[in-house]
Protein backbone atom coordinates (compact mmCIF):
# COMPACT_ATOMS: atom_id res chain seq x y z
CA MET A 1 2.37 -11.82 16.38
CA ASP A 2 0.50 -9.00 18.15
CA HIS A 3 3.19 -6.44 17.32
CA ILE A 4 2.76 -6.94 13.56
CA ILE A 5 -1.03 -6.91 13.34
CA LEU A 6 -1.46 -3.14 13.13
CA PRO A 7 1.50 -2.45 10.78
CA ALA A 8 0.45 -5.24 8.38
CA LEU A 9 -3.13 -3.99 8.37
CA VAL A 10 -2.08 -0.35 7.91
CA ILE A 11 0.29 -1.12 5.03
CA GLY A 12 -2.60 -2.96 3.40
CA ILE A 13 -4.85 0.08 3.79
CA ALA A 14 -2.18 2.30 2.19
CA THR A 15 -1.89 -0.21 -0.66
CA GLY A 16 -5.66 -0.21 -1.10
CA LEU A 17 -5.59 3.58 -1.45
CA ARG A 18 -2.60 3.63 -3.83
CA SER A 19 -1.53 0.20 -5.00
CA LEU A 20 2.18 0.92 -5.30
CA THR A 21 2.72 3.15 -2.28
CA GLY A 22 2.91 0.21 0.14
CA PRO A 23 5.42 -1.76 -1.93
CA ALA A 24 7.56 1.36 -2.45
CA ALA A 25 7.65 2.08 1.30
CA VAL A 26 8.39 -1.55 2.19
CA SER A 27 11.16 -1.84 -0.41
CA TRP A 28 12.79 1.40 0.77
CA ALA A 29 12.60 0.27 4.40
CA ALA A 30 14.11 -3.12 3.55
CA CYS A 31 16.84 -1.61 1.37
CA LEU A 32 17.81 0.89 4.07
CA GLY A 33 17.94 -1.82 6.74
CA GLY A 34 14.75 -0.96 8.61
CA LEU A 35 13.20 -4.30 7.70
CA ASP A 36 15.26 -7.47 7.83
CA LEU A 37 14.06 -9.72 5.04
CA HIS A 38 17.39 -11.52 4.54
CA GLY A 39 16.93 -15.25 4.12
CA SER A 40 13.20 -14.95 3.54
CA PRO A 41 11.37 -15.53 0.26
CA LEU A 42 10.68 -11.79 0.29
CA ALA A 43 14.34 -10.70 0.43
CA PHE A 44 14.02 -9.31 -3.11
CA MET A 45 11.92 -6.47 -1.67
CA GLY A 46 15.10 -4.94 -0.24
CA SER A 47 16.97 -4.86 -3.54
CA ARG A 48 17.82 -1.62 -5.29
CA VAL A 49 15.95 -2.93 -8.33
CA ALA A 50 12.76 -3.34 -6.28
CA VAL A 51 13.20 0.15 -4.81
CA ALA A 52 13.63 1.66 -8.27
CA ILE A 53 10.73 -0.22 -9.85
CA PHE A 54 8.23 0.32 -7.04
CA SER A 55 9.23 3.97 -6.56
CA LEU A 56 8.90 4.85 -10.24
CA LEU A 57 5.62 2.99 -10.55
CA ALA A 58 4.27 4.69 -7.42
CA LEU A 59 5.16 8.12 -8.82
CA ALA A 60 3.47 7.23 -12.10
CA GLU A 61 0.39 6.06 -10.21
CA TYR A 62 0.06 9.43 -8.46
CA VAL A 63 -0.19 11.07 -11.90
CA VAL A 64 -2.33 8.45 -13.63
CA ASP A 65 -4.82 8.36 -10.75
CA LYS A 66 -5.86 11.93 -11.57
CA LEU A 67 -6.69 11.20 -15.22
CA PRO A 68 -10.39 10.94 -16.05
CA GLN A 69 -9.94 7.75 -18.10
CA THR A 70 -8.30 5.87 -15.23
CA PRO A 71 -10.47 2.88 -14.29
CA SER A 72 -11.93 2.61 -10.82
CA ARG A 73 -9.83 0.94 -8.15
CA THR A 74 -12.81 -1.35 -7.50
CA ARG A 75 -12.68 -2.95 -10.95
CA LEU A 76 -11.55 -6.56 -10.82
CA ARG A 77 -8.05 -6.11 -12.28
CA SER A 78 -7.27 -3.13 -10.05
CA LEU A 79 -8.75 -4.87 -7.02
CA ILE A 80 -6.73 -8.05 -7.57
CA THR A 81 -3.55 -5.99 -7.98
CA ARG A 82 -4.23 -4.19 -4.69
CA LEU A 83 -4.97 -7.45 -2.88
CA VAL A 84 -1.81 -9.16 -4.17
CA LEU A 85 0.38 -6.16 -3.33
CA GLY A 86 -1.33 -5.78 0.06
CA ALA A 87 -0.51 -9.43 0.76
CA LEU A 88 3.11 -8.91 -0.33
CA CYS A 89 3.51 -5.87 1.92
CA GLY A 90 1.76 -7.41 4.92
CA ALA A 91 3.85 -10.56 4.61
CA SER A 92 7.03 -8.47 4.33
CA LEU A 93 6.28 -6.58 7.54
CA SER A 94 5.30 -9.77 9.34
CA GLY A 95 8.29 -11.72 8.05
CA SER A 96 10.73 -9.02 9.11
CA ALA A 97 9.37 -9.35 12.65
CA SER A 98 9.76 -13.15 12.60
CA GLY A 99 6.01 -13.47 12.28
CA SER A 100 3.90 -15.59 10.01
CA LEU A 101 4.21 -14.68 6.34
CA PHE A 102 0.73 -16.11 5.81
CA GLY A 103 -0.77 -14.15 8.71
CA GLY A 104 0.85 -10.95 7.50
CA ALA A 105 -0.41 -11.59 3.98
CA VAL A 106 -3.97 -12.08 5.23
CA LEU A 107 -3.77 -8.86 7.25
CA GLY A 108 -2.39 -7.04 4.21
CA ILE A 109 -5.30 -8.31 2.11
CA VAL A 110 -7.86 -7.23 4.72
CA GLY A 111 -6.22 -3.80 4.88
CA ALA A 112 -6.18 -3.55 1.09
CA LEU A 113 -9.91 -4.30 0.99
CA ILE A 114 -10.53 -1.58 3.58
CA GLY A 115 -8.35 0.91 1.72
CA THR A 116 -9.79 0.08 -1.69
CA PHE A 117 -13.48 0.23 -0.88
CA GLY A 118 -13.31 2.66 2.04
CA GLY A 119 -11.07 5.05 0.13
CA TYR A 120 -13.28 4.85 -2.95
CA GLU A 121 -16.44 5.59 -0.99
CA ILE A 122 -14.93 8.40 1.09
CA ARG A 123 -13.44 10.04 -2.01
CA ARG A 124 -16.72 9.74 -3.93
CA ARG A 125 -18.72 11.25 -1.08
CA LEU A 126 -16.27 14.10 -0.49
CA VAL A 127 -16.28 15.05 -4.17
CA ARG A 128 -20.07 15.07 -4.18
CA SER A 129 -20.60 16.88 -0.87
CA LEU A 130 -17.87 19.49 -1.38
CA LYS A 131 -18.80 19.94 -5.06
CA VAL A 132 -15.16 19.89 -6.14
CA LYS A 133 -13.28 18.12 -8.88
CA ASP A 134 -11.95 14.69 -8.06
CA GLY A 135 -8.33 15.87 -8.15
CA PHE A 136 -8.89 18.13 -5.16
CA ILE A 137 -9.63 15.05 -3.09
CA ALA A 138 -7.17 12.73 -4.85
CA VAL A 139 -4.07 14.72 -3.85
CA PRO A 140 -4.81 14.64 -0.10
CA GLU A 141 -5.60 10.94 -0.53
CA ASP A 142 -2.10 10.47 -1.99
CA LEU A 143 -0.63 12.11 1.09
CA ILE A 144 -2.72 9.95 3.41
CA ALA A 145 -1.56 6.79 1.60
CA ILE A 146 2.08 7.89 1.86
CA GLY A 147 1.68 8.77 5.54
CA LEU A 148 0.03 5.45 6.36
CA ALA A 149 2.72 3.49 4.50
CA PHE A 150 5.53 5.23 6.34
CA LEU A 151 3.71 4.87 9.64
CA ALA A 152 3.35 1.13 9.03
CA VAL A 153 7.01 0.54 8.22
CA ALA A 154 8.13 2.77 11.10
CA GLN A 155 5.91 0.91 13.59
CA ARG A 156 7.29 -2.40 12.50
C-alpha cells in the first residue's frame, strides 16, 4: 500500500487543479499498458473511448478555465466533480498496483481537496500580488497540473 500513497495523492492534486487532467493521464497510461486495470471495475479507463473523451474534455477545460464567466472551482458542483474524479483516478492508480480501490479513492479525494482549495488560493494570491490578469497564472497552473498527473502515473 505504501507505494501507491504518493501517486494516488498526487493524481488527486492534479485533478483538483484541473478536473479532467488526472482522468486523461490515467486513461492514457492504462490504454498504453502502463497501468494494468484488466479485470478490475475500472478497466474502462484504459479504453480508447475513455482516452478520447477525457482528452478532449481536458483540452476544452484548459480553454474554458480562462474565460471570465467560468465558475470557481470551489463551487459545489465543480468541487463534487473534482472529488469524484479524484477518487476515480486515485482508485485506478491503487487498483493497478493491487492496492485497495477504496484506499486509493480516499487518497484521490484528499489530493483533490488540496488541489482545489490550495490551487485556488495560490492562484488568487499570485494574481493579486503580481498585479497580472488571471490568465497569466492560469497557464502555468495548467502545466503544473499536467506535470503532476504524468508524475503520478509514472511513479505508479
